[in-house]
C-alpha atoms as a PDB file:
ATOM      1  CA  UNK A   1      92.952  95.632 107.629  1.00  0.00           C
ATOM      2  CA  UNK A   2      94.693  95.715 104.319  1.00  0.00           C
ATOM      3  CA  UNK A   3      98.396  94.149 104.811  1.00  0.00           C
ATOM      4  CA  UNK A   4      99.747  96.713 101.314  1.00  0.00           C
ATOM      5  CA  UNK A   5      98.238 100.049 102.877  1.00  0.00           C
ATOM      6  CA  UNK A   6      99.610 102.713 101.252  1.00  0.00           C
ATOM      7  CA  UNK A   7      97.832 105.324 103.700  1.00  0.00           C
ATOM      8  CA  UNK A   8      97.927 104.356 107.136  1.00  0.00           C
ATOM      9  CA  UNK A   9      96.475 107.259 109.867  1.00  0.00           C
ATOM     10  CA  UNK A  10      96.460 106.071 113.303  1.00  0.00           C
ATOM     11  CA  UNK A  11      94.675 107.396 116.623  1.00  0.00           C
ATOM     12  CA  UNK A  12      93.954 110.339 114.876  1.00  0.00           C
ATOM     13  CA  UNK A  13      92.724 113.279 117.234  1.00  0.00           C
ATOM     14  CA  UNK A  14      91.477 116.902 116.705  1.00  0.00           C
ATOM     15  CA  UNK A  15      89.211 119.631 118.323  1.00  0.00           C
ATOM     16  CA  UNK A  16      88.304 123.059 117.529  1.00  0.00           C
ATOM     17  CA  UNK A  17      88.309 124.735 120.673  1.00  0.00           C
ATOM     18  CA  UNK A  18      86.299 122.908 123.110  1.00  0.00           C
ATOM     19  CA  UNK A  19      84.426 120.608 120.577  1.00  0.00           C
ATOM     20  CA  UNK A  20      86.211 117.327 119.772  1.00  0.00           C
ATOM     21  CA  UNK A  21      85.853 116.615 116.581  1.00  0.00           C
ATOM     22  CA  UNK A  22      88.144 112.726 115.658  1.00  0.00           C
ATOM     23  CA  UNK A  23      88.806 110.918 118.979  1.00  0.00           C
ATOM     24  CA  UNK A  24      91.336 108.433 118.045  1.00  0.00           C
ATOM     25  CA  UNK A  25      90.201 107.951 114.503  1.00  0.00           C
ATOM     26  CA  UNK A  26      92.165 105.067 112.415  1.00  0.00           C
ATOM     27  CA  UNK A  27      92.045 104.393 108.663  1.00  0.00           C
ATOM     28  CA  UNK A  28      94.219 102.380 106.368  1.00  0.00           C
ATOM     29  CA  UNK A  29      93.840 101.748 102.698  1.00  0.00           C
ATOM     30  CA  UNK A  30      95.252  99.677 100.320  1.00  0.00           C
ATOM     31  CA  UNK A  31      96.290  99.894  96.828  1.00  0.00           C
ATOM     32  CA  UNK A  32      93.654  99.304  94.786  1.00  0.00           C
ATOM     33  CA  UNK A  33      91.089  99.660  97.671  1.00  0.00           C
ATOM     34  CA  UNK A  34      87.937 101.990  97.468  1.00  0.00           C
ATOM     35  CA  UNK A  35      86.981 103.124 100.583  1.00  0.00           C
ATOM     36  CA  UNK A  36      83.623 105.548 101.723  1.00  0.00           C
ATOM     37  CA  UNK A  37      83.757 107.497 104.376  1.00  0.00           C
ATOM     38  CA  UNK A  38      80.037 108.079 105.868  1.00  0.00           C
ATOM     39  CA  UNK A  39      78.361 109.578 108.651  1.00  0.00           C
ATOM     40  CA  UNK A  40      76.527 112.637 109.210  1.00  0.00           C
ATOM     41  CA  UNK A  41      77.087 116.282 109.225  1.00  0.00           C
ATOM     42  CA  UNK A  42      79.922 117.484 111.607  1.00  0.00           C
ATOM     43  CA  UNK A  43      80.993 113.794 112.282  1.00  0.00           C
ATOM     44  CA  UNK A  44      84.432 114.696 110.900  1.00  0.00           C
ATOM     45  CA  UNK A  45      84.761 113.121 107.470  1.00  0.00           C
ATOM     46  CA  UNK A  46      86.298 116.094 106.201  1.00  0.00           C
ATOM     47  CA  UNK A  47      88.430 116.878 108.784  1.00  0.00           C
ATOM     48  CA  UNK A  48      90.203 113.276 108.625  1.00  0.00           C
ATOM     49  CA  UNK A  49      90.393 113.767 105.072  1.00  0.00           C
ATOM     50  CA  UNK A  50      92.195 117.023 105.138  1.00  0.00           C
ATOM     51  CA  UNK A  51      94.505 115.721 107.973  1.00  0.00           C
ATOM     52  CA  UNK A  52      95.354 112.529 105.738  1.00  0.00           C
ATOM     53  CA  UNK A  53      95.906 115.336 102.747  1.00  0.00           C
ATOM     54  CA  UNK A  54      98.121 117.159 105.203  1.00  0.00           C
ATOM     55  CA  UNK A  55      96.722 120.636 104.644  1.00  0.00           C
ATOM     56  CA  UNK A  56      95.448 120.525 108.238  1.00  0.00           C
ATOM     57  CA  UNK A  57      97.243 119.398 111.325  1.00  0.00           C
ATOM     58  CA  UNK A  58      95.940 116.617 113.757  1.00  0.00           C
ATOM     59  CA  UNK A  59      96.379 117.243 117.647  1.00  0.00           C
ATOM     60  CA  UNK A  60      97.617 113.533 117.895  1.00  0.00           C
ATOM     61  CA  UNK A  61      97.881 110.821 116.025  1.00  0.00           C
ATOM     62  CA  UNK A  62     100.151 109.506 112.726  1.00  0.00           C
ATOM     63  CA  UNK A  63     100.137 109.234 108.899  1.00  0.00           C
ATOM     64  CA  UNK A  64     101.602 107.709 106.927  1.00  0.00           C
ATOM     65  CA  UNK A  65     101.689 108.208 102.911  1.00  0.00           C
ATOM     66  CA  UNK A  66     103.205 105.383 100.431  1.00  0.00           C
ATOM     67  CA  UNK A  67     103.143 107.492  97.514  1.00  0.00           C
ATOM     68  CA  UNK A  68     101.629 110.769  95.710  1.00  0.00           C
ATOM     69  CA  UNK A  69      98.224 112.465  97.149  1.00  0.00           C
ATOM     70  CA  UNK A  70      95.551 114.180  94.947  1.00  0.00           C
ATOM     71  CA  UNK A  71      93.098 115.972  97.094  1.00  0.00           C
ATOM     72  CA  UNK A  72      89.522 117.227  95.841  1.00  0.00           C
ATOM     73  CA  UNK A  73      87.952 119.060  98.661  1.00  0.00           C
ATOM     74  CA  UNK A  74      84.293 119.412  98.792  1.00  0.00           C
ATOM     75  CA  UNK A  75      84.324 123.105  97.459  1.00  0.00           C
ATOM     76  CA  UNK A  76      86.346 124.188  94.574  1.00  0.00           C
ATOM     77  CA  UNK A  77      89.652 124.969  95.302  1.00  0.00           C
ATOM     78  CA  UNK A  78      90.186 127.166  92.277  1.00  0.00           C
ATOM     79  CA  UNK A  79      90.607 130.442  91.378  1.00  0.00           C
ATOM     80  CA  UNK A  80      88.403 133.210  90.358  1.00  0.00           C
ATOM     81  CA  UNK A  81      90.668 135.200  87.672  1.00  0.00           C
ATOM     82  CA  UNK A  82      92.418 131.896  86.313  1.00  0.00           C
ATOM     83  CA  UNK A  83      91.107 130.211  83.400  1.00  0.00           C
ATOM     84  CA  UNK A  84      90.940 126.099  83.427  1.00  0.00           C
ATOM     85  CA  UNK A  85      93.922 125.795  81.104  1.00  0.00           C
ATOM     86  CA  UNK A  86      96.081 128.355  83.337  1.00  0.00           C
ATOM     87  CA  UNK A  87      95.034 126.164  86.729  1.00  0.00           C
ATOM     88  CA  UNK A  88      96.617 123.176  84.473  1.00  0.00           C
ATOM     89  CA  UNK A  89      99.421 125.203  84.159  1.00  0.00           C
ATOM     90  CA  UNK A  90      99.805 126.746  87.659  1.00  0.00           C
ATOM     91  CA  UNK A  91      99.224 123.680  89.720  1.00  0.00           C
ATOM     92  CA  UNK A  92     101.130 121.040  86.614  1.00  0.00           C
ATOM     93  CA  UNK A  93     103.913 123.225  87.337  1.00  0.00           C
ATOM     94  CA  UNK A  94     103.710 123.389  91.179  1.00  0.00           C
ATOM     95  CA  UNK A  95     103.927 119.287  90.473  1.00  0.00           C
ATOM     96  CA  UNK A  96     106.963 119.923  88.893  1.00  0.00           C
ATOM     97  CA  UNK A  97     105.642 119.200  85.489  1.00  0.00           C
ATOM     98  CA  UNK A  98     106.493 120.978  82.177  1.00  0.00           C
ATOM     99  CA  UNK A  99     103.594 123.539  80.706  1.00  0.00           C
ATOM    100  CA  UNK A 100     102.627 121.570  77.862  1.00  0.00           C
ATOM    101  CA  UNK A 101     102.866 118.244  79.707  1.00  0.00           C
ATOM    102  CA  UNK A 102     100.561 119.961  82.262  1.00  0.00           C
ATOM    103  CA  UNK A 103      98.306 120.982  79.833  1.00  0.00           C
ATOM    104  CA  UNK A 104      98.340 117.588  77.862  1.00  0.00           C
ATOM    105  CA  UNK A 105      97.692 115.523  81.465  1.00  0.00           C
ATOM    106  CA  UNK A 106      95.254 117.957  82.220  1.00  0.00           C
ATOM    107  CA  UNK A 107      93.063 118.346  79.798  1.00  0.00           C
ATOM    108  CA  UNK A 108      93.081 114.533  79.126  1.00  0.00           C
ATOM    109  CA  UNK A 109      91.743 114.448  82.457  1.00  0.00           C
ATOM    110  CA  UNK A 110      89.291 117.141  82.052  1.00  0.00           C
ATOM    111  CA  UNK A 111      88.043 115.838  78.444  1.00  0.00           C
ATOM    112  CA  UNK A 112      87.329 112.418  81.042  1.00  0.00           C
ATOM    113  CA  UNK A 113      84.846 114.553  82.909  1.00  0.00           C
ATOM    114  CA  UNK A 114      83.600 115.880  79.961  1.00  0.00           C
ATOM    115  CA  UNK A 115      84.434 119.388  80.849  1.00  0.00           C
ATOM    116  CA  UNK A 116      83.449 121.438  77.781  1.00  0.00           C
ATOM    117  CA  UNK A 117      86.607 122.557  74.955  1.00  0.00           C
ATOM    118  CA  UNK A 118      85.083 125.824  74.820  1.00  0.00           C
ATOM    119  CA  UNK A 119      85.108 126.715  78.836  1.00  0.00           C
ATOM    120  CA  UNK A 120      88.937 126.265  79.129  1.00  0.00           C
ATOM    121  CA  UNK A 121      89.511 129.978  78.368  1.00  0.00           C
ATOM    122  CA  UNK A 122      86.894 130.962  80.758  1.00  0.00           C
ATOM    123  CA  UNK A 123      87.867 132.351  84.046  1.00  0.00           C
ATOM    124  CA  UNK A 124      86.767 130.225  87.049  1.00  0.00           C
ATOM    125  CA  UNK A 125      84.630 132.793  88.402  1.00  0.00           C
ATOM    126  CA  UNK A 126      82.451 132.616  85.194  1.00  0.00           C
ATOM    127  CA  UNK A 127      82.058 128.706  85.337  1.00  0.00           C
ATOM    128  CA  UNK A 128      78.796 126.785  86.959  1.00  0.00           C
ATOM    129  CA  UNK A 129      79.436 124.930  90.025  1.00  0.00           C
ATOM    130  CA  UNK A 130      79.447 121.401  88.039  1.00  0.00           C
ATOM    131  CA  UNK A 131      82.193 122.698  85.384  1.00  0.00           C
ATOM    132  CA  UNK A 132      84.015 124.163  88.637  1.00  0.00           C
ATOM    133  CA  UNK A 133      84.095 121.039  90.279  1.00  0.00           C
ATOM    134  CA  UNK A 134      85.079 118.832  87.168  1.00  0.00           C
ATOM    135  CA  UNK A 135      87.874 121.576  87.236  1.00  0.00           C
ATOM    136  CA  UNK A 136      88.505 120.883  91.225  1.00  0.00           C
ATOM    137  CA  UNK A 137      88.785 116.996  90.488  1.00  0.00           C
ATOM    138  CA  UNK A 138      90.863 117.310  87.036  1.00  0.00           C
ATOM    139  CA  UNK A 139      93.483 118.951  89.416  1.00  0.00           C
ATOM    140  CA  UNK A 140      93.330 116.705  92.537  1.00  0.00           C
ATOM    141  CA  UNK A 141      94.625 113.875  89.114  1.00  0.00           C
ATOM    142  CA  UNK A 142      96.729 116.339  87.573  1.00  0.00           C
ATOM    143  CA  UNK A 143     100.227 114.933  89.695  1.00  0.00           C
ATOM    144  CA  UNK A 144      98.786 111.436  88.832  1.00  0.00           C
ATOM    145  CA  UNK A 145      98.648 110.099  92.386  1.00  0.00           C
ATOM    146  CA  UNK A 146      98.511 106.606  94.002  1.00  0.00           C
ATOM    147  CA  UNK A 147      96.345 107.970  96.734  1.00  0.00           C
ATOM    148  CA  UNK A 148      93.222 109.936  96.098  1.00  0.00           C
ATOM    149  CA  UNK A 149      91.576 111.899  98.570  1.00  0.00           C
ATOM    150  CA  UNK A 150      87.897 112.788  97.417  1.00  0.00           C
ATOM    151  CA  UNK A 151      85.562 114.330  99.441  1.00  0.00           C
ATOM    152  CA  UNK A 152      82.155 114.470  97.842  1.00  0.00           C
ATOM    153  CA  UNK A 153      83.884 115.209  94.420  1.00  0.00           C
ATOM    154  CA  UNK A 154      81.086 115.001  92.460  1.00  0.00           C
ATOM    155  CA  UNK A 155      78.925 118.188  93.914  1.00  0.00           C
ATOM    156  CA  UNK A 156      77.063 120.034  90.653  1.00  0.00           C
ATOM    157  CA  UNK A 157      77.626 116.764  88.328  1.00  0.00           C
ATOM    158  CA  UNK A 158      74.452 115.965  86.172  1.00  0.00           C
ATOM    159  CA  UNK A 159      73.176 112.792  86.039  1.00  0.00           C
ATOM    160  CA  UNK A 160      75.773 111.835  83.332  1.00  0.00           C
ATOM    161  CA  UNK A 161      78.883 113.092  84.684  1.00  0.00           C
ATOM    162  CA  UNK A 162      77.978 111.317  87.870  1.00  0.00           C
ATOM    163  CA  UNK A 163      77.791 107.755  86.586  1.00  0.00           C
ATOM    164  CA  UNK A 164      80.584 108.659  84.667  1.00  0.00           C
ATOM    165  CA  UNK A 165      82.624 109.357  88.047  1.00  0.00           C
ATOM    166  CA  UNK A 166      81.841 106.157  89.368  1.00  0.00           C
ATOM    167  CA  UNK A 167      83.432 104.420  86.419  1.00  0.00           C
ATOM    168  CA  UNK A 168      86.138 106.374  86.597  1.00  0.00           C
ATOM    169  CA  UNK A 169      86.509 105.166  89.955  1.00  0.00           C
ATOM    170  CA  UNK A 170      86.542 101.453  88.974  1.00  0.00           C
ATOM    171  CA  UNK A 171      89.440 102.733  86.573  1.00  0.00           C
ATOM    172  CA  UNK A 172      91.765 103.999  89.026  1.00  0.00           C
ATOM    173  CA  UNK A 173      90.732 100.870  91.274  1.00  0.00           C
ATOM    174  CA  UNK A 174      91.756  98.835  88.214  1.00  0.00           C
ATOM    175  CA  UNK A 175      94.758 100.702  87.975  1.00  0.00           C
ATOM    176  CA  UNK A 176      96.030 100.081  91.463  1.00  0.00           C
ATOM    177  CA  UNK A 177      95.001 103.654  93.266  1.00  0.00           C
ATOM    178  CA  UNK A 178      94.024 104.014  96.594  1.00  0.00           C
ATOM    179  CA  UNK A 179      90.900 105.806  97.037  1.00  0.00           C
ATOM    180  CA  UNK A 180      89.054 107.272 100.034  1.00  0.00           C
ATOM    181  CA  UNK A 181      85.626 109.000  99.064  1.00  0.00           C
ATOM    182  CA  UNK A 182      83.610 110.732 101.540  1.00  0.00           C
ATOM    183  CA  UNK A 183      79.466 110.373 100.779  1.00  0.00           C
ATOM    184  CA  UNK A 184      76.067 110.373 101.034  1.00  0.00           C
ATOM    185  CA  UNK A 185      75.119 108.570  98.606  1.00  0.00           C
ATOM    186  CA  UNK A 186      74.198 105.734 100.208  1.00  0.00           C
ATOM    187  CA  UNK A 187      72.462 103.658  97.283  1.00  0.00           C
ATOM    188  CA  UNK A 188      76.475 103.783  95.297  1.00  0.00           C
ATOM    189  CA  UNK A 189      78.026 102.359  98.316  1.00  0.00           C
ATOM    190  CA  UNK A 190      77.954  98.877  96.307  1.00  0.00           C
ATOM    191  CA  UNK A 191      80.709 100.212  94.240  1.00  0.00           C
ATOM    192  CA  UNK A 192      83.243 100.353  97.145  1.00  0.00           C
ATOM    193  CA  UNK A 193      85.130  97.578  98.923  1.00  0.00           C
ATOM    194  CA  UNK A 194      85.097  98.827 102.479  1.00  0.00           C
ATOM    195  CA  UNK A 195      82.595 101.641 104.273  1.00  0.00           C
ATOM    196  CA  UNK A 196      83.793 103.270 107.098  1.00  0.00           C
ATOM    197  CA  UNK A 197      81.539 105.382 109.371  1.00  0.00           C
ATOM    198  CA  UNK A 198      82.324 108.146 111.398  1.00  0.00           C
ATOM    199  CA  UNK A 199      80.146 108.411 114.539  1.00  0.00           C
ATOM    200  CA  UNK A 200      80.905 110.330 117.856  1.00  0.00           C
ATOM    201  CA  UNK A 201      84.214 110.866 116.918  1.00  0.00           C
ATOM    202  CA  UNK A 202      84.788 107.865 115.971  1.00  0.00           C
ATOM    203  CA  UNK A 203      85.592 105.198 113.297  1.00  0.00           C
ATOM    204  CA  UNK A 204      83.703 101.803 112.778  1.00  0.00           C
ATOM    205  CA  UNK A 205      83.737  99.289 110.101  1.00  0.00           C
ATOM    206  CA  UNK A 206      79.642  99.577 108.589  1.00  0.00           C
ATOM    207  CA  UNK A 207      78.238  96.449 107.153  1.00  0.00           C
ATOM    208  CA  UNK A 208      76.196  96.488 104.234  1.00  0.00           C
ATOM    209  CA  UNK A 209      73.026  96.267 105.815  1.00  0.00           C
ATOM    210  CA  UNK A 210      73.270  98.882 108.091  1.00  0.00           C
ATOM    211  CA  UNK A 211      73.858 101.283 105.247  1.00  0.00           C
ATOM    212  CA  UNK A 212      70.952  99.654 103.107  1.00  0.00           C
ATOM    213  CA  UNK A 213      73.008  98.140 100.474  1.00  0.00           C
END
């Protein structure tokens, strides 16, 4: 396990009704490390990320964070009646950024994701699914987080933006960010440092040959 961990989740348990989703899961991620979280649908990947992000309480266990967190959910957490620029201001001021600073930082994030400039004044409800997801990811980056929790963040991306996303992951790693990405794209696991597989509510380190790498 990493000795410089900035995210440490220990013995995480979570049930929904009678269904036990996570049973004593541990997860530790260091600065400058990319961890892929894999597993079948319903294995608890999204639940674990939401608990680590602090948006869902665990039934047991603990989460310790060594810095600010950026969380990108699988379904865009955007507001239909706000434009992209209005999202940057709204979320940025919540992170104690001044209005112009939020716009400047957010627009740079959007530009790296090839978000069309002309769409910045379009209501979120009128954006394509891929463009909404670019905004969703930019909002996760807005506060310059040291920990990124990304739940299939490339949903709806075209091929070029998908490739650009993984290039950005390499840049974030080089900058010392700790990154957890939920993915079903097993061909991309060569791009990460470790693979954690969730199965039957428990986590284990998966070998590359098991994942097809």
